[in-house]
């Protein structure tokens, strides 16, 4: 879907010749699309680890704790990103980057 977003953004630019503020919004949407792709990749990695270790119910100790923390973090990042996009909240959007870096 990220590729579809990029294609649509380029089509909008070509067809409607947006002004600078619109171009910034389009660029932001393209970046958000990339971020969602990355979050999806994180979710895929988590599911791979879960399967490799025999599922969360079968894992113990640090594996269970680590997998649960990763899963929760991805969900919070997704929710924050969606809320930031809907509300055009720049600070919330910036906080996602900090979450990714472990802050």
PDB file of N, CA and C in Angstrom:
ATOM      1  N   UNK A   1       0.812  -1.197   0.000  1.00  0.00           N
ATOM      2  CA  UNK A   1       0.000   0.000   0.000  1.00  0.00           C
ATOM      3  C   UNK A   1       0.857   1.262   0.000  1.00  0.00           C
ATOM      4  N   UNK A   2       2.072   1.173   0.526  1.00  0.00           N
ATOM      5  CA  UNK A   2       2.945   2.346   0.540  1.00  0.00           C
ATOM      6  C   UNK A   2       3.220   2.821  -0.879  1.00  0.00           C
ATOM      7  N   UNK A   3       3.390   1.881  -1.786  1.00  0.00           N
ATOM      8  CA  UNK A   3       3.626   2.232  -3.184  1.00  0.00           C
ATOM      9  C   UNK A   3       2.404   2.912  -3.785  1.00  0.00           C
ATOM     10  N   UNK A   4       1.221   2.462  -3.419  1.00  0.00           N
ATOM     11  CA  UNK A   4      -0.012   3.089  -3.895  1.00  0.00           C
ATOM     12  C   UNK A   4      -0.124   4.526  -3.396  1.00  0.00           C
ATOM     13  N   UNK A   5       0.268   4.752  -2.148  1.00  0.00           N
ATOM     14  CA  UNK A   5       0.232   6.105  -1.590  1.00  0.00           C
ATOM     15  C   UNK A   5       1.190   7.007  -2.354  1.00  0.00           C
ATOM     16  N   UNK A   6       2.394   6.517  -2.619  1.00  0.00           N
ATOM     17  CA  UNK A   6       3.365   7.303  -3.377  1.00  0.00           C
ATOM     18  C   UNK A   6       2.840   7.626  -4.768  1.00  0.00           C
ATOM     19  N   UNK A   7       2.263   6.631  -5.423  1.00  0.00           N
ATOM     20  CA  UNK A   7       1.712   6.858  -6.761  1.00  0.00           C
ATOM     21  C   UNK A   7       0.600   7.897  -6.736  1.00  0.00           C
ATOM     22  N   UNK A   8      -0.278   7.796  -5.751  1.00  0.00           N
ATOM     23  CA  UNK A   8      -1.390   8.752  -5.627  1.00  0.00           C
ATOM     24  C   UNK A   8      -0.858  10.152  -5.334  1.00  0.00           C
ATOM     25  N   UNK A   9       0.157  10.244  -4.485  1.00  0.00           N
ATOM     26  CA  UNK A   9       0.743  11.553  -4.157  1.00  0.00           C
ATOM     27  C   UNK A   9       1.348  12.198  -5.401  1.00  0.00           C
ATOM     28  N   UNK A  10       2.072  11.425  -6.182  1.00  0.00           N
ATOM     29  CA  UNK A  10       2.662  11.964  -7.408  1.00  0.00           C
ATOM     30  C   UNK A  10       1.584  12.373  -8.409  1.00  0.00           C
ATOM     31  N   UNK A  11       0.522  11.596  -8.469  1.00  0.00           N
ATOM     32  CA  UNK A  11      -0.593  11.954  -9.350  1.00  0.00           C
ATOM     33  C   UNK A  11      -1.231  13.274  -8.921  1.00  0.00           C
ATOM     34  N   UNK A  12      -1.423  13.450  -7.628  1.00  0.00           N
ATOM     35  CA  UNK A  12      -1.994  14.706  -7.108  1.00  0.00           C
ATOM     36  C   UNK A  12      -1.092  15.884  -7.457  1.00  0.00           C
ATOM     37  N   UNK A  13       0.204  15.708  -7.270  1.00  0.00           N
ATOM     38  CA  UNK A  13       1.153  16.780  -7.581  1.00  0.00           C
ATOM     39  C   UNK A  13       1.092  17.122  -9.067  1.00  0.00           C
ATOM     40  N   UNK A  14       1.092  16.118  -9.911  1.00  0.00           N
ATOM     41  CA  UNK A  14       1.104  16.340 -11.359  1.00  0.00           C
ATOM     42  C   UNK A  14      -0.209  16.963 -11.858  1.00  0.00           C
ATOM     43  N   UNK A  15      -1.319  16.485 -11.344  1.00  0.00           N
ATOM     44  CA  UNK A  15      -2.619  16.929 -11.859  1.00  0.00           C
ATOM     45  C   UNK A  15      -3.102  18.252 -11.280  1.00  0.00           C
ATOM     46  N   UNK A  16      -2.813  18.506 -10.010  1.00  0.00           N
ATOM     47  CA  UNK A  16      -3.429  19.657  -9.343  1.00  0.00           C
ATOM     48  C   UNK A  16      -2.468  20.782  -9.003  1.00  0.00           C
ATOM     49  N   UNK A  17      -1.187  20.585  -9.203  1.00  0.00           N
ATOM     50  CA  UNK A  17      -0.168  21.601  -8.938  1.00  0.00           C
ATOM     51  C   UNK A  17      -0.411  22.305  -7.596  1.00  0.00           C
ATOM     52  N   UNK A  18      -0.292  21.550  -6.497  1.00  0.00           N
ATOM     53  CA  UNK A  18      -0.600  22.114  -5.175  1.00  0.00           C
ATOM     54  C   UNK A  18       0.379  23.200  -4.753  1.00  0.00           C
ATOM     55  N   UNK A  19      -0.083  24.059  -3.846  1.00  0.00           N
ATOM     56  CA  UNK A  19       0.763  25.113  -3.289  1.00  0.00           C
ATOM     57  C   UNK A  19       1.677  24.506  -2.230  1.00  0.00           C
ATOM     58  N   UNK A  20       2.584  25.313  -1.701  1.00  0.00           N
ATOM     59  CA  UNK A  20       3.623  24.818  -0.792  1.00  0.00           C
ATOM     60  C   UNK A  20       3.048  24.098   0.420  1.00  0.00           C
ATOM     61  N   UNK A  21       2.014  24.647   1.040  1.00  0.00           N
ATOM     62  CA  UNK A  21       1.463  23.997   2.233  1.00  0.00           C
ATOM     63  C   UNK A  21       0.879  22.634   1.880  1.00  0.00           C
ATOM     64  N   UNK A  22       0.255  22.526   0.717  1.00  0.00           N
ATOM     65  CA  UNK A  22      -0.287  21.239   0.284  1.00  0.00           C
ATOM     66  C   UNK A  22       0.839  20.246  -0.017  1.00  0.00           C
ATOM     67  N   UNK A  23       1.925  20.750  -0.597  1.00  0.00           N
ATOM     68  CA  UNK A  23       3.065  19.869  -0.866  1.00  0.00           C
ATOM     69  C   UNK A  23       3.652  19.309   0.427  1.00  0.00           C
ATOM     70  N   UNK A  24       3.711  20.151   1.455  1.00  0.00           N
ATOM     71  CA  UNK A  24       4.211  19.675   2.754  1.00  0.00           C
ATOM     72  C   UNK A  24       3.296  18.584   3.309  1.00  0.00           C
ATOM     73  N   UNK A  25       1.987  18.768   3.167  1.00  0.00           N
ATOM     74  CA  UNK A  25       1.040  17.759   3.644  1.00  0.00           C
ATOM     75  C   UNK A  25       1.215  16.456   2.860  1.00  0.00           C
ATOM     76  N   UNK A  26       1.348  16.563   1.557  1.00  0.00           N
ATOM     77  CA  UNK A  26       1.533  15.367   0.717  1.00  0.00           C
ATOM     78  C   UNK A  26       2.815  14.642   1.105  1.00  0.00           C
ATOM     79  N   UNK A  27       3.870  15.407   1.328  1.00  0.00           N
ATOM     80  CA  UNK A  27       5.137  14.804   1.749  1.00  0.00           C
ATOM     81  C   UNK A  27       4.971  14.096   3.092  1.00  0.00           C
ATOM     82  N   UNK A  28       4.234  14.709   3.997  1.00  0.00           N
ATOM     83  CA  UNK A  28       3.992  14.098   5.304  1.00  0.00           C
ATOM     84  C   UNK A  28       3.231  12.792   5.167  1.00  0.00           C
ATOM     85  N   UNK A  29       2.224  12.781   4.305  1.00  0.00           N
ATOM     86  CA  UNK A  29       1.449  11.557   4.105  1.00  0.00           C
ATOM     87  C   UNK A  29       2.315  10.449   3.511  1.00  0.00           C
ATOM     88  N   UNK A  30       3.228  10.816   2.645  1.00  0.00           N
ATOM     89  CA  UNK A  30       4.135   9.815   2.080  1.00  0.00           C
ATOM     90  C   UNK A  30       5.043   9.247   3.168  1.00  0.00           C
ATOM     91  N   UNK A  31       5.527  10.119   4.045  1.00  0.00           N
ATOM     92  CA  UNK A  31       6.382   9.666   5.137  1.00  0.00           C
ATOM     93  C   UNK A  31       5.598   8.774   6.101  1.00  0.00           C
ATOM     94  N   UNK A  32       4.369   9.165   6.390  1.00  0.00           N
ATOM     95  CA  UNK A  32       3.527   8.361   7.272  1.00  0.00           C
ATOM     96  C   UNK A  32       3.293   6.981   6.666  1.00  0.00           C
ATOM     97  N   UNK A  33       3.081   6.949   5.368  1.00  0.00           N
ATOM     98  CA  UNK A  33       2.890   5.668   4.679  1.00  0.00           C
ATOM     99  C   UNK A  33       4.111   4.776   4.873  1.00  0.00           C
ATOM    100  N   UNK A  34       5.285   5.360   4.741  1.00  0.00           N
ATOM    101  CA  UNK A  34       6.514   4.599   4.949  1.00  0.00           C
ATOM    102  C   UNK A  34       6.599   4.105   6.399  1.00  0.00           C
ATOM    103  N   UNK A  35       6.228   4.986   7.346  1.00  0.00           N
ATOM    104  CA  UNK A  35       6.269   4.600   8.758  1.00  0.00           C
ATOM    105  C   UNK A  35       5.338   3.421   9.034  1.00  0.00           C
ATOM    106  N   UNK A  36       4.141   3.453   8.481  1.00  0.00           N
ATOM    107  CA  UNK A  36       3.219   2.339   8.673  1.00  0.00           C
ATOM    108  C   UNK A  36       3.787   1.047   8.074  1.00  0.00           C
ATOM    109  N   UNK A  37       4.474   1.174   6.968  1.00  0.00           N
ATOM    110  CA  UNK A  37       5.124   0.001   6.372  1.00  0.00           C
ATOM    111  C   UNK A  37       6.162  -0.561   7.340  1.00  0.00           C
ATOM    112  N   UNK A  38       6.932   0.318   7.954  1.00  0.00           N
ATOM    113  CA  UNK A  38       7.959  -0.105   8.912  1.00  0.00           C
ATOM    114  C   UNK A  38       7.315  -0.760  10.131  1.00  0.00           C
ATOM    115  N   UNK A  39       6.223  -0.176  10.629  1.00  0.00           N
ATOM    116  CA  UNK A  39       5.543  -0.775  11.784  1.00  0.00           C
ATOM    117  C   UNK A  39       5.020  -2.166  11.440  1.00  0.00           C
ATOM    118  N   UNK A  40       4.516  -2.319  10.231  1.00  0.00           N
ATOM    119  CA  UNK A  40       4.048  -3.621   9.778  1.00  0.00           C
ATOM    120  C   UNK A  40       5.180  -4.629   9.741  1.00  0.00           C
ATOM    121  N   UNK A  41       6.354  -4.160   9.341  1.00  0.00           N
ATOM    122  CA  UNK A  41       7.530  -5.030   9.317  1.00  0.00           C
ATOM    123  C   UNK A  41       7.896  -5.455  10.745  1.00  0.00           C
ATOM    124  N   UNK A  42       7.771  -4.518  11.693  1.00  0.00           N
ATOM    125  CA  UNK A  42       8.039  -4.871  13.089  1.00  0.00           C
ATOM    126  C   UNK A  42       7.051  -5.943  13.556  1.00  0.00           C
ATOM    127  N   UNK A  43       5.786  -5.778  13.220  1.00  0.00           N
ATOM    128  CA  UNK A  43       4.776  -6.759  13.607  1.00  0.00           C
ATOM    129  C   UNK A  43       5.089  -8.122  12.991  1.00  0.00           C
ATOM    130  N   UNK A  44       5.531  -8.112  11.749  1.00  0.00           N
ATOM    131  CA  UNK A  44       5.908  -9.365  11.093  1.00  0.00           C
ATOM    132  C   UNK A  44       7.081 -10.023  11.809  1.00  0.00           C
ATOM    133  N   UNK A  45       8.070  -9.215  12.189  1.00  0.00           N
ATOM    134  CA  UNK A  45       9.221  -9.755  12.931  1.00  0.00           C
ATOM    135  C   UNK A  45       8.785 -10.356  14.261  1.00  0.00           C
ATOM    136  N   UNK A  46       7.869  -9.676  14.943  1.00  0.00           N
ATOM    137  CA  UNK A  46       7.372 -10.179  16.227  1.00  0.00           C
ATOM    138  C   UNK A  46       6.663 -11.515  16.026  1.00  0.00           C
ATOM    139  N   UNK A  47       5.823 -11.593  14.992  1.00  0.00           N
ATOM    140  CA  UNK A  47       5.102 -12.844  14.759  1.00  0.00           C
ATOM    141  C   UNK A  47       6.074 -13.967  14.383  1.00  0.00           C
ATOM    142  N   UNK A  48       7.127 -13.638  13.638  1.00  0.00           N
ATOM    143  CA  UNK A  48       8.132 -14.639  13.289  1.00  0.00           C
ATOM    144  C   UNK A  48       8.823 -15.169  14.551  1.00  0.00           C
ATOM    145  N   UNK A  49       9.218 -14.245  15.429  1.00  0.00           N
ATOM    146  CA  UNK A  49       9.863 -14.667  16.674  1.00  0.00           C
ATOM    147  C   UNK A  49       8.917 -15.506  17.524  1.00  0.00           C
ATOM    148  N   UNK A  50       7.673 -15.087  17.574  1.00  0.00           N
ATOM    149  CA  UNK A  50       6.678 -15.823  18.342  1.00  0.00           C
ATOM    150  C   UNK A  50       6.571 -17.264  17.833  1.00  0.00           C
ATOM    151  N   UNK A  51       6.486 -17.417  16.533  1.00  0.00           N
ATOM    152  CA  UNK A  51       6.372 -18.751  15.940  1.00  0.00           C
ATOM    153  C   UNK A  51       7.657 -19.552  16.174  1.00  0.00           C
ATOM    154  N   UNK A  52       8.793 -18.893  16.033  1.00  0.00           N
ATOM    155  CA  UNK A  52      10.079 -19.591  16.179  1.00  0.00           C
ATOM    156  C   UNK A  52      10.286 -20.123  17.597  1.00  0.00           C
ATOM    157  N   UNK A  53       9.802 -19.365  18.581  1.00  0.00           N
ATOM    158  CA  UNK A  53       9.960 -19.792  19.968  1.00  0.00           C
ATOM    159  C   UNK A  53       8.791 -20.636  20.461  1.00  0.00           C
ATOM    160  N   UNK A  54       7.901 -21.035  19.550  1.00  0.00           N
ATOM    161  CA  UNK A  54       6.826 -21.936  19.930  1.00  0.00           C
ATOM    162  C   UNK A  54       5.605 -21.248  20.494  1.00  0.00           C
ATOM    163  N   UNK A  55       5.484 -19.968  20.289  1.00  0.00           N
ATOM    164  CA  UNK A  55       4.309 -19.242  20.779  1.00  0.00           C
ATOM    165  C   UNK A  55       4.540 -18.669  22.154  1.00  0.00           C
ATOM    166  N   UNK A  56       3.822 -17.622  22.458  1.00  0.00           N
ATOM    167  CA  UNK A  56       3.994 -16.957  23.751  1.00  0.00           C
ATOM    168  C   UNK A  56       3.597 -17.851  24.917  1.00  0.00           C
ATOM    169  N   UNK A  57       2.590 -18.673  24.727  1.00  0.00           N
ATOM    170  CA  UNK A  57       2.147 -19.531  25.825  1.00  0.00           C
ATOM    171  C   UNK A  57       3.223 -20.535  26.219  1.00  0.00           C
ATOM    172  N   UNK A  58       4.021 -20.942  25.244  1.00  0.00           N
ATOM    173  CA  UNK A  58       5.057 -21.940  25.505  1.00  0.00           C
ATOM    174  C   UNK A  58       6.379 -21.314  25.962  1.00  0.00           C
ATOM    175  N   UNK A  59       6.576 -20.037  25.692  1.00  0.00           N
ATOM    176  CA  UNK A  59       7.851 -19.402  26.052  1.00  0.00           C
ATOM    177  C   UNK A  59       7.828 -18.949  27.506  1.00  0.00           C
ATOM    178  N   UNK A  60       9.004 -18.837  28.063  1.00  0.00           N
ATOM    179  CA  UNK A  60       9.117 -18.417  29.454  1.00  0.00           C
ATOM    180  C   UNK A  60      10.190 -17.354  29.572  1.00  0.00           C
ATOM    181  N   UNK A  61      10.224 -16.740  30.702  1.00  0.00           N
ATOM    182  CA  UNK A  61      11.285 -15.799  31.017  1.00  0.00           C
ATOM    183  C   UNK A  61      11.343 -14.602  30.107  1.00  0.00           C
ATOM    184  N   UNK A  62      12.558 -14.255  29.734  1.00  0.00           N
ATOM    185  CA  UNK A  62      12.797 -13.026  28.984  1.00  0.00           C
ATOM    186  C   UNK A  62      12.138 -13.041  27.605  1.00  0.00           C
ATOM    187  N   UNK A  63      12.000 -14.204  26.979  1.00  0.00           N
ATOM    188  CA  UNK A  63      11.415 -14.269  25.636  1.00  0.00           C
ATOM    189  C   UNK A  63       9.978 -13.774  25.672  1.00  0.00           C
ATOM    190  N   UNK A  64       9.218 -14.273  26.621  1.00  0.00           N
ATOM    191  CA  UNK A  64       7.819 -13.859  26.761  1.00  0.00           C
ATOM    192  C   UNK A  64       7.741 -12.361  27.059  1.00  0.00           C
ATOM    193  N   UNK A  65       8.523 -11.914  28.016  1.00  0.00           N
ATOM    194  CA  UNK A  65       8.508 -10.506  28.409  1.00  0.00           C
ATOM    195  C   UNK A  65       8.922  -9.612  27.250  1.00  0.00           C
ATOM    196  N   UNK A  66       9.989  -9.956  26.567  1.00  0.00           N
ATOM    197  CA  UNK A  66      10.498  -9.151  25.457  1.00  0.00           C
ATOM    198  C   UNK A  66       9.494  -9.081  24.310  1.00  0.00           C
ATOM    199  N   UNK A  67       8.908 -10.216  23.964  1.00  0.00           N
ATOM    200  CA  UNK A  67       7.932 -10.250  22.872  1.00  0.00           C
ATOM    201  C   UNK A  67       6.703  -9.421  23.222  1.00  0.00           C
ATOM    202  N   UNK A  68       6.236  -9.526  24.446  1.00  0.00           N
ATOM    203  CA  UNK A  68       5.069  -8.742  24.868  1.00  0.00           C
ATOM    204  C   UNK A  68       5.383  -7.242  24.829  1.00  0.00           C
ATOM    205  N   UNK A  69       6.573  -6.860  25.281  1.00  0.00           N
ATOM    206  CA  UNK A  69       6.951  -5.441  25.263  1.00  0.00           C
ATOM    207  C   UNK A  69       7.046  -4.922  23.834  1.00  0.00           C
ATOM    208  N   UNK A  70       7.632  -5.714  22.933  1.00  0.00           N
ATOM    209  CA  UNK A  70       7.726  -5.297  21.530  1.00  0.00           C
ATOM    210  C   UNK A  70       6.339  -5.128  20.928  1.00  0.00           C
ATOM    211  N   UNK A  71       5.470  -6.079  21.200  1.00  0.00           N
ATOM    212  CA  UNK A  71       4.114  -6.024  20.655  1.00  0.00           C
ATOM    213  C   UNK A  71       3.366  -4.798  21.151  1.00  0.00           C
ATOM    214  N   UNK A  72       3.449  -4.552  22.439  1.00  0.00           N
ATOM    215  CA  UNK A  72       2.775  -3.389  23.013  1.00  0.00           C
ATOM    216  C   UNK A  72       3.331  -2.091  22.435  1.00  0.00           C
ATOM    217  N   UNK A  73       4.634  -2.038  22.263  1.00  0.00           N
ATOM    218  CA  UNK A  73       5.266  -0.834  21.732  1.00  0.00           C
ATOM    219  C   UNK A  73       4.799  -0.549  20.303  1.00  0.00           C
ATOM    220  N   UNK A  74       4.733  -1.579  19.476  1.00  0.00           N
ATOM    221  CA  UNK A  74       4.264  -1.403  18.099  1.00  0.00           C
ATOM    222  C   UNK A  74       2.821  -0.900  18.094  1.00  0.00           C
ATOM    223  N   UNK A  75       1.977  -1.485  18.953  1.00  0.00           N
ATOM    224  CA  UNK A  75       0.578  -1.058  19.003  1.00  0.00           C
ATOM    225  C   UNK A  75       0.449   0.403  19.442  1.00  0.00           C
ATOM    226  N   UNK A  76       1.237   0.802  20.427  1.00  0.00           N
ATOM    227  CA  UNK A  76       1.206   2.200  20.879  1.00  0.00           C
ATOM    228  C   UNK A  76       1.692   3.129  19.769  1.00  0.00           C
ATOM    229  N   UNK A  77       2.738   2.728  19.062  1.00  0.00           N
ATOM    230  CA  UNK A  77       3.259   3.550  17.967  1.00  0.00           C
ATOM    231  C   UNK A  77       2.225   3.703  16.857  1.00  0.00           C
ATOM    232  N   UNK A  78       1.534   2.630  16.545  1.00  0.00           N
ATOM    233  CA  UNK A  78       0.502   2.690  15.512  1.00  0.00           C
ATOM    234  C   UNK A  78      -0.626   3.615  15.951  1.00  0.00           C
ATOM    235  N   UNK A  79      -1.104   3.443  17.166  1.00  0.00           N
ATOM    236  CA  UNK A  79      -2.207   4.261  17.679  1.00  0.00           C
ATOM    237  C   UNK A  79      -1.807   5.738  17.723  1.00  0.00           C
ATOM    238  N   UNK A  80      -0.628   6.022  18.211  1.00  0.00           N
ATOM    239  CA  UNK A  80      -0.144   7.398  18.283  1.00  0.00           C
ATOM    240  C   UNK A  80      -0.015   7.999  16.890  1.00  0.00           C
ATOM    241  N   UNK A  81       0.486   7.228  15.950  1.00  0.00           N
ATOM    242  CA  UNK A  81       0.633   7.720  14.574  1.00  0.00           C
ATOM    243  C   UNK A  81      -0.712   8.052  13.950  1.00  0.00           C
ATOM    244  N   UNK A  82      -1.681   7.187  14.153  1.00  0.00           N
ATOM    245  CA  UNK A  82      -3.017   7.436  13.591  1.00  0.00           C
ATOM    246  C   UNK A  82      -3.648   8.672  14.229  1.00  0.00           C
ATOM    247  N   UNK A  83      -3.532   8.791  15.538  1.00  0.00           N
ATOM    248  CA  UNK A  83      -4.085   9.956  16.229  1.00  0.00           C
ATOM    249  C   UNK A  83      -3.378  11.232  15.796  1.00  0.00           C
ATOM    250  N   UNK A  84      -2.063  11.170  15.614  1.00  0.00           N
ATOM    251  CA  UNK A  84      -1.309  12.344  15.173  1.00  0.00           C
ATOM    252  C   UNK A  84      -1.747  12.767  13.775  1.00  0.00           C
ATOM    253  N   UNK A  85      -1.971  11.800  12.920  1.00  0.00           N
ATOM    254  CA  UNK A  85      -2.414  12.095  11.556  1.00  0.00           C
ATOM    255  C   UNK A  85      -3.809  12.704  11.563  1.00  0.00           C
ATOM    256  N   UNK A  86      -4.718  12.099  12.286  1.00  0.00           N
ATOM    257  CA  UNK A  86      -6.093  12.603  12.333  1.00  0.00           C
ATOM    258  C   UNK A  86      -6.157  14.010  12.902  1.00  0.00           C
ATOM    259  N   UNK A  87      -5.399  14.243  13.981  1.00  0.00           N
ATOM    260  CA  UNK A  87      -5.441  15.539  14.653  1.00  0.00           C
ATOM    261  C   UNK A  87      -4.400  16.531  14.171  1.00  0.00           C
ATOM    262  N   UNK A  88      -3.587  16.109  13.189  1.00  0.00           N
ATOM    263  CA  UNK A  88      -2.484  16.937  12.686  1.00  0.00           C
ATOM    264  C   UNK A  88      -1.632  17.449  13.846  1.00  0.00           C
ATOM    265  N   UNK A  89      -1.314  16.524  14.746  1.00  0.00           N
ATOM    266  CA  UNK A  89      -0.568  16.826  15.954  1.00  0.00           C
ATOM    267  C   UNK A  89       0.911  16.530  15.723  1.00  0.00           C
ATOM    268  N   UNK A  90       1.689  17.575  15.543  1.00  0.00           N
ATOM    269  CA  UNK A  90       3.108  17.432  15.214  1.00  0.00           C
ATOM    270  C   UNK A  90       3.890  16.801  16.363  1.00  0.00           C
ATOM    271  N   UNK A  91       3.596  17.218  17.585  1.00  0.00           N
ATOM    272  CA  UNK A  91       4.339  16.693  18.735  1.00  0.00           C
ATOM    273  C   UNK A  91       4.079  15.196  18.914  1.00  0.00           C
ATOM    274  N   UNK A  92       2.846  14.777  18.711  1.00  0.00           N
ATOM    275  CA  UNK A  92       2.539  13.341  18.818  1.00  0.00           C
ATOM    276  C   UNK A  92       3.295  12.570  17.743  1.00  0.00           C
ATOM    277  N   UNK A  93       3.348  13.127  16.545  1.00  0.00           N
ATOM    278  CA  UNK A  93       4.079  12.471  15.459  1.00  0.00           C
ATOM    279  C   UNK A  93       5.562  12.360  15.794  1.00  0.00           C
ATOM    280  N   UNK A  94       6.120  13.394  16.368  1.00  0.00           N
ATOM    281  CA  UNK A  94       7.542  13.360  16.753  1.00  0.00           C
ATOM    282  C   UNK A  94       7.796  12.347  17.859  1.00  0.00           C
ATOM    283  N   UNK A  95       6.803  12.167  18.730  1.00  0.00           N
ATOM    284  CA  UNK A  95       6.989  11.233  19.840  1.00  0.00           C
ATOM    285  C   UNK A  95       7.156   9.794  19.346  1.00  0.00           C
ATOM    286  N   UNK A  96       6.587   9.483  18.191  1.00  0.00           N
ATOM    287  CA  UNK A  96       6.717   8.130  17.642  1.00  0.00           C
ATOM    288  C   UNK A  96       8.180   7.820  17.337  1.00  0.00           C
ATOM    289  N   UNK A  97       8.886   8.806  16.823  1.00  0.00           N
ATOM    290  CA  UNK A  97      10.304   8.608  16.534  1.00  0.00           C
ATOM    291  C   UNK A  97      11.082   8.307  17.810  1.00  0.00           C
ATOM    292  N   UNK A  98      10.745   9.024  18.880  1.00  0.00           N
ATOM    293  CA  UNK A  98      11.379   8.761  20.172  1.00  0.00           C
ATOM    294  C   UNK A  98      11.058   7.375  20.702  1.00  0.00           C
ATOM    295  N   UNK A  99       9.805   6.954  20.503  1.00  0.00           N
ATOM    296  CA  UNK A  99       9.409   5.605  20.938  1.00  0.00           C
ATOM    297  C   UNK A  99      10.221   4.550  20.217  1.00  0.00           C
ATOM    298  N   UNK A 100      10.433   4.781  18.934  1.00  0.00           N
ATOM    299  CA  UNK A 100      11.176   3.804  18.139  1.00  0.00           C
ATOM    300  C   UNK A 100      12.619   3.681  18.611  1.00  0.00           C
ATOM    301  N   UNK A 101      13.167   4.806  19.035  1.00  0.00           N
ATOM    302  CA  UNK A 101      14.559   4.793  19.511  1.00  0.00           C
ATOM    303  C   UNK A 101      14.681   4.342  20.959  1.00  0.00           C
ATOM    304  N   UNK A 102      13.523   4.074  21.595  1.00  0.00           N
ATOM    305  CA  UNK A 102      13.545   3.569  22.968  1.00  0.00           C
ATOM    306  C   UNK A 102      13.494   4.643  24.022  1.00  0.00           C
ATOM    307  N   UNK A 103      13.059   5.816  23.657  1.00  0.00           N
ATOM    308  CA  UNK A 103      12.970   6.908  24.650  1.00  0.00           C
ATOM    309  C   UNK A 103      11.612   6.951  25.287  1.00  0.00           C
TER     310      UNK A 103
END
